[in-house]
PDB file of N, CA and C in Angstrom:
ATOM      1  N   MET A   1    -124.063 -69.308  39.105  1.00  0.00           N
ATOM      2  CA  MET A   1    -123.178 -70.010  38.937  1.00  0.00           C
ATOM      3  C   MET A   1    -122.729 -70.005  37.574  1.00  0.00           C
ATOM      4  N   THR A   2    -121.142 -70.186  37.069  1.00  0.00           N
ATOM      5  CA  THR A   2    -120.770 -70.404  35.706  1.00  0.00           C
ATOM      6  C   THR A   2    -121.006 -71.735  35.282  1.00  0.00           C
ATOM      7  N   GLU A   3    -121.224 -71.704  33.865  1.00  0.00           N
ATOM      8  CA  GLU A   3    -121.462 -72.784  32.815  1.00  0.00           C
ATOM      9  C   GLU A   3    -119.937 -73.265  32.460  1.00  0.00           C
ATOM     10  N   ARG A   4    -120.302 -74.801  32.830  1.00  0.00           N
ATOM     11  CA  ARG A   4    -118.720 -75.829  32.545  1.00  0.00           C
ATOM     12  C   ARG A   4    -118.779 -76.404  31.208  1.00  0.00           C
ATOM     13  N   PRO A   5    -117.429 -75.716  30.441  1.00  0.00           N
ATOM     14  CA  PRO A   5    -117.318 -76.203  29.431  1.00  0.00           C
ATOM     15  C   PRO A   5    -117.223 -77.687  28.972  1.00  0.00           C
ATOM     16  N   GLU A   6    -117.752 -78.843  28.241  1.00  0.00           N
ATOM     17  CA  GLU A   6    -118.021 -80.042  28.162  1.00  0.00           C
ATOM     18  C   GLU A   6    -116.316 -80.713  28.183  1.00  0.00           C
ATOM     19  N   ASN A   7    -115.293 -79.632  27.911  1.00  0.00           N
ATOM     20  CA  ASN A   7    -114.264 -80.253  27.497  1.00  0.00           C
ATOM     21  C   ASN A   7    -113.607 -79.848  28.861  1.00  0.00           C
ATOM     22  N   LEU A   8    -113.418 -79.510  29.959  1.00  0.00           N
ATOM     23  CA  LEU A   8    -112.809 -79.252  31.236  1.00  0.00           C
ATOM     24  C   LEU A   8    -112.853 -80.181  31.842  1.00  0.00           C
ATOM     25  N   VAL A   9    -111.685 -80.581  32.336  1.00  0.00           N
ATOM     26  CA  VAL A   9    -111.512 -81.474  33.623  1.00  0.00           C
ATOM     27  C   VAL A   9    -110.778 -80.279  34.627  1.00  0.00           C
ATOM     28  N   ARG A  10    -111.385 -80.269  36.342  1.00  0.00           N
ATOM     29  CA  ARG A  10    -111.205 -79.302  36.973  1.00  0.00           C
ATOM     30  C   ARG A  10    -110.206 -80.498  37.980  1.00  0.00           C
ATOM     31  N   VAL A  11    -109.398 -80.558  38.190  1.00  0.00           N
ATOM     32  CA  VAL A  11    -108.395 -81.332  39.270  1.00  0.00           C
ATOM     33  C   VAL A  11    -108.455 -80.802  40.581  1.00  0.00           C
ATOM     34  N   GLY A  12    -108.494 -81.576  41.563  1.00  0.00           N
ATOM     35  CA  GLY A  12    -108.825 -81.352  42.967  1.00  0.00           C
ATOM     36  C   GLY A  12    -107.763 -82.679  43.881  1.00  0.00           C
ATOM     37  N   LYS A  13    -108.731 -82.672  44.708  1.00  0.00           N
ATOM     38  CA  LYS A  13    -107.698 -83.668  45.624  1.00  0.00           C
ATOM     39  C   LYS A  13    -108.070 -84.928  45.418  1.00  0.00           C
ATOM     40  N   LYS A  14    -108.954 -85.846  43.775  1.00  0.00           N
ATOM     41  CA  LYS A  14    -109.189 -86.859  43.976  1.00  0.00           C
ATOM     42  C   LYS A  14    -107.722 -87.567  43.542  1.00  0.00           C
ATOM     43  N   PRO A  15    -107.767 -89.225  44.004  1.00  0.00           N
ATOM     44  CA  PRO A  15    -106.567 -89.738  42.914  1.00  0.00           C
ATOM     45  C   PRO A  15    -105.960 -89.241  41.381  1.00  0.00           C
ATOM     46  N   VAL A  16    -105.147 -88.938  41.355  1.00  0.00           N
ATOM     47  CA  VAL A  16    -104.426 -88.590  39.784  1.00  0.00           C
ATOM     48  C   VAL A  16    -105.063 -89.303  38.579  1.00  0.00           C
ATOM     49  N   MET A  17    -105.328 -90.618  39.401  1.00  0.00           N
ATOM     50  CA  MET A  17    -105.891 -91.670  38.215  1.00  0.00           C
ATOM     51  C   MET A  17    -107.193 -91.444  37.879  1.00  0.00           C
ATOM     52  N   ASN A  18    -108.511 -91.129  38.886  1.00  0.00           N
ATOM     53  CA  ASN A  18    -109.265 -90.588  38.535  1.00  0.00           C
ATOM     54  C   ASN A  18    -109.464 -89.577  37.260  1.00  0.00           C
ATOM     55  N   TYR A  19    -108.632 -88.624  37.490  1.00  0.00           N
ATOM     56  CA  TYR A  19    -108.375 -87.422  36.621  1.00  0.00           C
ATOM     57  C   TYR A  19    -108.033 -88.388  35.496  1.00  0.00           C
ATOM     58  N   VAL A  20    -107.079 -88.691  35.526  1.00  0.00           N
ATOM     59  CA  VAL A  20    -106.567 -89.654  33.961  1.00  0.00           C
ATOM     60  C   VAL A  20    -107.573 -90.069  32.855  1.00  0.00           C
ATOM     61  N   VAL A  21    -108.422 -90.846  33.900  1.00  0.00           N
ATOM     62  CA  VAL A  21    -109.543 -91.837  33.349  1.00  0.00           C
ATOM     63  C   VAL A  21    -110.442 -90.748  32.962  1.00  0.00           C
ATOM     64  N   ALA A  22    -110.896 -89.488  33.260  1.00  0.00           N
ATOM     65  CA  ALA A  22    -111.820 -88.851  33.059  1.00  0.00           C
ATOM     66  C   ALA A  22    -111.112 -88.290  31.737  1.00  0.00           C
ATOM     67  N   CYS A  23    -110.199 -87.496  31.625  1.00  0.00           N
ATOM     68  CA  CYS A  23    -109.162 -87.479  30.183  1.00  0.00           C
ATOM     69  C   CYS A  23    -109.696 -88.135  29.233  1.00  0.00           C
ATOM     70  N   VAL A  24    -108.837 -89.564  29.280  1.00  0.00           N
ATOM     71  CA  VAL A  24    -109.451 -90.462  28.277  1.00  0.00           C
ATOM     72  C   VAL A  24    -110.668 -90.576  27.720  1.00  0.00           C
ATOM     73  N   THR A  25    -111.151 -91.032  28.728  1.00  0.00           N
ATOM     74  CA  THR A  25    -112.977 -90.979  28.307  1.00  0.00           C
ATOM     75  C   THR A  25    -113.339 -90.031  27.607  1.00  0.00           C
ATOM     76  N   LEU A  26    -112.927 -88.539  28.124  1.00  0.00           N
ATOM     77  CA  LEU A  26    -113.331 -87.761  26.931  1.00  0.00           C
ATOM     78  C   LEU A  26    -112.588 -87.528  25.621  1.00  0.00           C
ATOM     79  N   PHE A  27    -111.564 -88.349  25.554  1.00  0.00           N
ATOM     80  CA  PHE A  27    -110.732 -88.256  24.240  1.00  0.00           C
ATOM     81  C   PHE A  27    -111.510 -89.312  23.858  1.00  0.00           C
ATOM     82  N   ASN A  28    -111.970 -90.429  24.457  1.00  0.00           N
ATOM     83  CA  ASN A  28    -112.588 -91.535  23.271  1.00  0.00           C
ATOM     84  C   ASN A  28    -114.302 -91.034  23.347  1.00  0.00           C
ATOM     85  N   SER A  29    -114.614 -89.904  23.760  1.00  0.00           N
ATOM     86  CA  SER A  29    -116.169 -89.630  23.026  1.00  0.00           C
ATOM     87  C   SER A  29    -115.770 -88.725  22.028  1.00  0.00           C
ATOM     88  N   GLY A  30    -114.920 -88.794  21.732  1.00  0.00           N
ATOM     89  CA  GLY A  30    -114.819 -87.953  20.367  1.00  0.00           C
ATOM     90  C   GLY A  30    -113.978 -86.363  20.419  1.00  0.00           C
ATOM     91  N   ARG A  31    -113.656 -86.329  21.786  1.00  0.00           N
ATOM     92  CA  ARG A  31    -113.092 -84.667  22.012  1.00  0.00           C
ATOM     93  C   ARG A  31    -111.734 -84.685  21.577  1.00  0.00           C
ATOM     94  N   ASP A  32    -111.522 -83.631  20.664  1.00  0.00           N
ATOM     95  CA  ASP A  32    -109.759 -83.429  20.468  1.00  0.00           C
ATOM     96  C   ASP A  32    -109.207 -82.601  21.114  1.00  0.00           C
ATOM     97  N   GLU A  33    -109.695 -81.871  21.970  1.00  0.00           N
ATOM     98  CA  GLU A  33    -108.835 -80.932  22.751  1.00  0.00           C
ATOM     99  C   GLU A  33    -109.564 -81.576  24.313  1.00  0.00           C
ATOM    100  N   ILE A  34    -109.128 -81.272  25.233  1.00  0.00           N
ATOM    101  CA  ILE A  34    -109.377 -81.304  26.524  1.00  0.00           C
ATOM    102  C   ILE A  34    -108.355 -79.844  27.387  1.00  0.00           C
ATOM    103  N   VAL A  35    -109.329 -79.362  28.507  1.00  0.00           N
ATOM    104  CA  VAL A  35    -108.421 -78.548  29.194  1.00  0.00           C
ATOM    105  C   VAL A  35    -108.292 -78.771  30.631  1.00  0.00           C
ATOM    106  N   LEU A  36    -107.361 -78.554  31.413  1.00  0.00           N
ATOM    107  CA  LEU A  36    -107.158 -79.137  32.444  1.00  0.00           C
ATOM    108  C   LEU A  36    -106.971 -78.111  33.612  1.00  0.00           C
ATOM    109  N   ARG A  37    -107.522 -77.785  34.358  1.00  0.00           N
ATOM    110  CA  ARG A  37    -107.373 -76.914  35.255  1.00  0.00           C
ATOM    111  C   ARG A  37    -107.531 -77.043  36.394  1.00  0.00           C
ATOM    112  N   ALA A  38    -106.367 -76.241  37.076  1.00  0.00           N
ATOM    113  CA  ALA A  38    -105.826 -76.652  38.652  1.00  0.00           C
ATOM    114  C   ALA A  38    -105.215 -75.321  39.316  1.00  0.00           C
ATOM    115  N   ARG A  39    -105.366 -75.210  40.471  1.00  0.00           N
ATOM    116  CA  ARG A  39    -104.918 -74.443  41.517  1.00  0.00           C
ATOM    117  C   ARG A  39    -104.181 -74.951  42.850  1.00  0.00           C
ATOM    118  N   GLY A  40    -103.736 -73.747  43.567  1.00  0.00           N
ATOM    119  CA  GLY A  40    -103.120 -74.518  45.028  1.00  0.00           C
ATOM    120  C   GLY A  40    -101.966 -75.664  44.609  1.00  0.00           C
ATOM    121  N   GLN A  41    -102.048 -76.320  45.490  1.00  0.00           N
ATOM    122  CA  GLN A  41    -101.638 -77.309  45.646  1.00  0.00           C
ATOM    123  C   GLN A  41    -102.197 -78.676  44.437  1.00  0.00           C
ATOM    124  N   SER A  42    -102.889 -78.255  43.763  1.00  0.00           N
ATOM    125  CA  SER A  42    -103.344 -79.388  42.939  1.00  0.00           C
ATOM    126  C   SER A  42    -102.767 -79.155  41.756  1.00  0.00           C
ATOM    127  N   ILE A  43    -101.776 -78.242  41.370  1.00  0.00           N
ATOM    128  CA  ILE A  43    -101.064 -77.822  40.204  1.00  0.00           C
ATOM    129  C   ILE A  43     -99.865 -79.086  40.215  1.00  0.00           C
ATOM    130  N   ASN A  44     -99.321 -79.318  41.372  1.00  0.00           N
ATOM    131  CA  ASN A  44     -98.956 -81.304  41.260  1.00  0.00           C
ATOM    132  C   ASN A  44     -99.311 -81.659  40.623  1.00  0.00           C
ATOM    133  N   ASN A  45    -100.627 -82.355  40.535  1.00  0.00           N
ATOM    134  CA  ASN A  45    -101.233 -83.408  40.398  1.00  0.00           C
ATOM    135  C   ASN A  45    -101.933 -83.082  38.881  1.00  0.00           C
ATOM    136  N   ALA A  46    -101.907 -81.840  38.183  1.00  0.00           N
ATOM    137  CA  ALA A  46    -102.142 -81.647  36.815  1.00  0.00           C
ATOM    138  C   ALA A  46    -101.168 -82.006  36.175  1.00  0.00           C
ATOM    139  N   VAL A  47    -100.125 -81.487  36.240  1.00  0.00           N
ATOM    140  CA  VAL A  47     -98.766 -81.934  35.667  1.00  0.00           C
ATOM    141  C   VAL A  47     -98.702 -83.103  35.551  1.00  0.00           C
ATOM    142  N   ASP A  48     -98.926 -83.923  37.060  1.00  0.00           N
ATOM    143  CA  ASP A  48     -98.428 -85.641  36.893  1.00  0.00           C
ATOM    144  C   ASP A  48     -99.609 -86.754  35.726  1.00  0.00           C
ATOM    145  N   ILE A  49    -100.954 -85.605  35.613  1.00  0.00           N
ATOM    146  CA  ILE A  49    -102.197 -86.223  35.302  1.00  0.00           C
ATOM    147  C   ILE A  49    -101.398 -86.147  33.707  1.00  0.00           C
ATOM    148  N   VAL A  50    -101.221 -85.554  33.290  1.00  0.00           N
ATOM    149  CA  VAL A  50    -100.502 -85.030  31.881  1.00  0.00           C
ATOM    150  C   VAL A  50     -99.251 -85.736  31.201  1.00  0.00           C
ATOM    151  N   GLU A  51     -98.379 -86.079  32.583  1.00  0.00           N
ATOM    152  CA  GLU A  51     -97.414 -87.303  32.178  1.00  0.00           C
ATOM    153  C   GLU A  51     -97.770 -88.618  32.403  1.00  0.00           C
ATOM    154  N   ARG A  52     -98.675 -89.157  32.750  1.00  0.00           N
ATOM    155  CA  ARG A  52     -99.494 -89.944  32.521  1.00  0.00           C
ATOM    156  C   ARG A  52    -100.279 -90.420  31.793  1.00  0.00           C
ATOM    157  N   LEU A  53    -100.811 -89.341  30.962  1.00  0.00           N
ATOM    158  CA  LEU A  53    -101.527 -89.575  29.958  1.00  0.00           C
ATOM    159  C   LEU A  53    -101.041 -89.773  28.936  1.00  0.00           C
ATOM    160  N   LYS A  54     -99.746 -88.873  28.397  1.00  0.00           N
ATOM    161  CA  LYS A  54     -98.677 -89.652  27.153  1.00  0.00           C
ATOM    162  C   LYS A  54     -98.360 -90.752  27.258  1.00  0.00           C
ATOM    163  N   LYS A  55     -98.652 -91.541  28.157  1.00  0.00           N
ATOM    164  CA  LYS A  55     -97.817 -93.041  27.879  1.00  0.00           C
ATOM    165  C   LYS A  55     -99.344 -93.865  27.882  1.00  0.00           C
ATOM    166  N   PHE A  56    -100.842 -93.712  27.567  1.00  0.00           N
ATOM    167  CA  PHE A  56    -101.855 -94.087  27.306  1.00  0.00           C
ATOM    168  C   PHE A  56    -102.300 -93.086  25.807  1.00  0.00           C
ATOM    169  N   GLN A  57    -102.123 -91.632  25.934  1.00  0.00           N
ATOM    170  CA  GLN A  57    -102.316 -91.315  24.411  1.00  0.00           C
ATOM    171  C   GLN A  57    -101.241 -90.761  23.750  1.00  0.00           C
ATOM    172  N   LYS A  58    -100.650 -92.017  23.200  1.00  0.00           N
ATOM    173  CA  LYS A  58     -99.150 -91.208  22.043  1.00  0.00           C
ATOM    174  C   LYS A  58     -99.123 -90.004  21.151  1.00  0.00           C
ATOM    175  N   ASN A  59    -100.444 -89.506  20.532  1.00  0.00           N
ATOM    176  CA  ASN A  59    -100.514 -88.645  19.480  1.00  0.00           C
ATOM    177  C   ASN A  59    -101.088 -87.603  20.572  1.00  0.00           C
ATOM    178  N   LEU A  60    -100.557 -86.896  22.321  1.00  0.00           N
ATOM    179  CA  LEU A  60    -100.688 -86.594  22.846  1.00  0.00           C
ATOM    180  C   LEU A  60     -99.808 -84.849  22.823  1.00  0.00           C
ATOM    181  N   HIS A  61    -100.369 -84.187  22.543  1.00  0.00           N
ATOM    182  CA  HIS A  61     -99.588 -82.745  22.114  1.00  0.00           C
ATOM    183  C   HIS A  61     -99.954 -81.697  23.271  1.00  0.00           C
ATOM    184  N   VAL A  62     -99.423 -81.021  23.851  1.00  0.00           N
ATOM    185  CA  VAL A  62     -99.641 -79.981  25.039  1.00  0.00           C
ATOM    186  C   VAL A  62    -100.060 -78.601  24.229  1.00  0.00           C
ATOM    187  N   GLN A  63    -101.561 -78.044  23.961  1.00  0.00           N
ATOM    188  CA  GLN A  63    -101.146 -77.267  23.060  1.00  0.00           C
ATOM    189  C   GLN A  63    -101.098 -75.623  23.417  1.00  0.00           C
ATOM    190  N   ASP A  64    -101.107 -75.799  24.864  1.00  0.00           N
ATOM    191  CA  ASP A  64    -100.938 -74.664  25.678  1.00  0.00           C
ATOM    192  C   ASP A  64    -101.294 -74.280  27.395  1.00  0.00           C
ATOM    193  N   ILE A  65    -100.319 -73.778  27.662  1.00  0.00           N
ATOM    194  CA  ILE A  65    -100.446 -73.549  28.782  1.00  0.00           C
ATOM    195  C   ILE A  65    -100.415 -72.369  29.813  1.00  0.00           C
ATOM    196  N   ASN A  66    -101.413 -71.964  30.471  1.00  0.00           N
ATOM    197  CA  ASN A  66    -101.767 -70.856  31.049  1.00  0.00           C
ATOM    198  C   ASN A  66    -101.417 -70.788  32.684  1.00  0.00           C
ATOM    199  N   ILE A  67    -100.674 -69.769  33.095  1.00  0.00           N
ATOM    200  CA  ILE A  67    -100.592 -70.074  34.500  1.00  0.00           C
ATOM    201  C   ILE A  67    -101.049 -68.490  34.975  1.00  0.00           C
ATOM    202  N   GLY A  68    -101.301 -67.992  35.928  1.00  0.00           N
ATOM    203  CA  GLY A  68    -101.858 -67.048  37.016  1.00  0.00           C
ATOM    204  C   GLY A  68    -102.123 -66.772  38.248  1.00  0.00           C
ATOM    205  N   SER A  69    -102.893 -66.199  38.410  1.00  0.00           N
ATOM    206  CA  SER A  69    -103.370 -65.883  39.998  1.00  0.00           C
ATOM    207  C   SER A  69    -104.497 -65.785  40.766  1.00  0.00           C
ATOM    208  N   GLU A  70    -105.172 -66.178  41.490  1.00  0.00           N
ATOM    209  CA  GLU A  70    -106.803 -65.692  42.040  1.00  0.00           C
ATOM    210  C   GLU A  70    -106.698 -64.972  43.628  1.00  0.00           C
ATOM    211  N   ASP A  71    -107.352 -64.418  43.089  1.00  0.00           N
ATOM    212  CA  ASP A  71    -107.327 -63.419  44.808  1.00  0.00           C
ATOM    213  C   ASP A  71    -108.467 -64.594  45.536  1.00  0.00           C
ATOM    214  N   VAL A  72    -108.479 -64.896  46.712  1.00  0.00           N
ATOM    215  CA  VAL A  72    -109.769 -65.406  47.321  1.00  0.00           C
ATOM    216  C   VAL A  72    -109.332 -65.068  48.715  1.00  0.00           C
ATOM    217  N   THR A  73    -111.165 -65.207  48.880  1.00  0.00           N
ATOM    218  CA  THR A  73    -111.016 -65.195  50.882  1.00  0.00           C
ATOM    219  C   THR A  73    -111.646 -66.453  51.390  1.00  0.00           C
ATOM    220  N   ARG A  74    -110.529 -66.658  52.058  1.00  0.00           N
ATOM    221  CA  ARG A  74    -110.385 -67.823  53.191  1.00  0.00           C
ATOM    222  C   ARG A  74    -111.582 -67.507  54.349  1.00  0.00           C
ATOM    223  N   PRO A  75    -112.018 -68.719  54.637  1.00  0.00           N
ATOM    224  CA  PRO A  75    -113.309 -68.610  55.986  1.00  0.00           C
ATOM    225  C   PRO A  75    -113.181 -67.482  56.973  1.00  0.00           C
ATOM    226  N   ASP A  76    -111.738 -67.655  57.287  1.00  0.00           N
ATOM    227  CA  ASP A  76    -111.484 -66.855  58.361  1.00  0.00           C
ATOM    228  C   ASP A  76    -111.935 -65.157  58.064  1.00  0.00           C
ATOM    229  N   GLY A  77    -111.889 -64.716  56.306  1.00  0.00           N
ATOM    230  CA  GLY A  77    -112.166 -63.385  56.439  1.00  0.00           C
ATOM    231  C   GLY A  77    -110.845 -62.617  55.547  1.00  0.00           C
ATOM    232  N   THR A  78    -109.578 -63.623  55.875  1.00  0.00           N
ATOM    233  CA  THR A  78    -108.612 -62.970  55.006  1.00  0.00           C
ATOM    234  C   THR A  78    -108.437 -63.142  53.861  1.00  0.00           C
ATOM    235  N   ARG A  79    -107.352 -62.199  53.169  1.00  0.00           N
ATOM    236  CA  ARG A  79    -107.358 -62.458  51.939  1.00  0.00           C
ATOM    237  C   ARG A  79    -106.157 -63.456  51.029  1.00  0.00           C
ATOM    238  N   ALA A  80    -106.586 -64.052  49.965  1.00  0.00           N
ATOM    239  CA  ALA A  80    -104.661 -64.939  49.822  1.00  0.00           C
ATOM    240  C   ALA A  80    -104.948 -64.618  48.049  1.00  0.00           C
ATOM    241  N   SER A  81    -103.720 -65.026  47.814  1.00  0.00           N
ATOM    242  CA  SER A  81    -103.743 -65.247  46.420  1.00  0.00           C
ATOM    243  C   SER A  81    -102.934 -66.769  45.803  1.00  0.00           C
ATOM    244  N   ILE A  82    -103.967 -67.233  45.267  1.00  0.00           N
ATOM    245  CA  ILE A  82    -103.264 -68.581  44.789  1.00  0.00           C
ATOM    246  C   ILE A  82    -103.174 -69.054  43.549  1.00  0.00           C
ATOM    247  N   SER A  83    -102.209 -69.467  43.359  1.00  0.00           N
ATOM    248  CA  SER A  83    -101.513 -69.624  42.085  1.00  0.00           C
ATOM    249  C   SER A  83    -102.893 -71.010  40.978  1.00  0.00           C
ATOM    250  N   THR A  84    -102.641 -70.734  39.774  1.00  0.00           N
ATOM    251  CA  THR A  84    -103.543 -71.294  38.897  1.00  0.00           C
ATOM    252  C   THR A  84    -102.953 -71.591  37.331  1.00  0.00           C
ATOM    253  N   ILE A  85    -103.492 -72.530  37.053  1.00  0.00           N
ATOM    254  CA  ILE A  85    -102.827 -73.236  35.483  1.00  0.00           C
ATOM    255  C   ILE A  85    -103.717 -74.080  34.930  1.00  0.00           C
ATOM    256  N   GLU A  86    -103.252 -74.047  33.700  1.00  0.00           N
ATOM    257  CA  GLU A  86    -104.803 -73.977  32.788  1.00  0.00           C
ATOM    258  C   GLU A  86    -103.966 -75.110  31.411  1.00  0.00           C
ATOM    259  N   ILE A  87    -103.585 -76.276  31.336  1.00  0.00           N
ATOM    260  CA  ILE A  87    -103.097 -76.903  30.371  1.00  0.00           C
ATOM    261  C   ILE A  87    -104.114 -77.446  29.733  1.00  0.00           C
ATOM    262  N   ALA A  88    -104.023 -76.831  28.422  1.00  0.00           N
ATOM    263  CA  ALA A  88    -104.675 -77.472  27.185  1.00  0.00           C
ATOM    264  C   ALA A  88    -103.914 -78.495  26.651  1.00  0.00           C
ATOM    265  N   LEU A  89    -104.544 -79.660  25.990  1.00  0.00           N
ATOM    266  CA  LEU A  89    -104.476 -80.817  25.503  1.00  0.00           C
ATOM    267  C   LEU A  89    -105.207 -81.043  23.972  1.00  0.00           C
ATOM    268  N   ARG A  90    -104.366 -81.610  22.950  1.00  0.00           N
ATOM    269  CA  ARG A  90    -104.341 -81.628  21.956  1.00  0.00           C
ATOM    270  C   ARG A  90    -104.177 -82.998  21.392  1.00  0.00           C
ATOM    271  N   LYS A  91    -105.616 -84.155  20.809  1.00  0.00           N
ATOM    272  CA  LYS A  91    -105.214 -85.447  20.300  1.00  0.00           C
ATOM    273  C   LYS A  91    -104.801 -85.248  19.037  1.00  0.00           C
ATOM    274  N   ALA A  92    -103.547 -85.452  18.743  1.00  0.00           N
ATOM    275  CA  ALA A  92    -103.614 -84.799  17.570  1.00  0.00           C
ATOM    276  C   ALA A  92    -103.860 -86.034  16.786  1.00  0.00           C
ATOM    277  N   GLN A  93    -104.176 -85.784  15.340  1.00  0.00           N
ATOM    278  CA  GLN A  93    -105.197 -86.767  14.409  1.00  0.00           C
ATOM    279  C   GLN A  93    -104.112 -87.854  13.805  1.00  0.00           C
ATOM    280  N   SER A  94    -103.998 -88.729  13.609  1.00  0.00           N
ATOM    281  CA  SER A  94    -103.299 -89.772  13.152  1.00  0.00           C
ATOM    282  C   SER A  94    -103.426 -89.488  11.875  1.00  0.00           C
ATOM    283  N   SER A  95    -102.271 -89.741  10.809  1.00  0.00           N
ATOM    284  CA  SER A  95    -102.665 -90.438   9.434  1.00  0.00           C
ATOM    285  C   SER A  95    -102.555 -91.354   9.434  1.00  0.00           C
ATOM    286  N   VAL A  96    -103.146 -91.977   8.042  1.00  0.00           N
ATOM    287  CA  VAL A  96    -103.159 -92.902   7.242  1.00  0.00           C
ATOM    288  C   VAL A  96    -102.579 -93.402   5.911  1.00  0.00           C
ATOM    289  N   ASP A  97    -101.518 -93.754   5.986  1.00  0.00           N
ATOM    290  CA  ASP A  97    -100.420 -93.752   4.707  1.00  0.00           C
ATOM    291  C   ASP A  97    -101.424 -95.078   4.098  1.00  0.00           C
TER     292      ASP A  97
END
């Protein structure tokens, strides 16, 4: 079993707002950067999450986007390639004048 970084949010089939709340919670707990990771049909949700987060976190910046694919074996034994995306988000430091 691989170790899961504390700033990683894996996007799956839950409602989008569940992931938005998870991201806001991570930022509010002191994290300056989080990473959304999704694959396959969940990629759409990852993009929706980022757009909704921008409404909650005005100082949010997309730090990096990585796309790729993974080879997986389906339950019936066939192999397939699944698209993946990782979106790194950073909360910019607010300047105090």
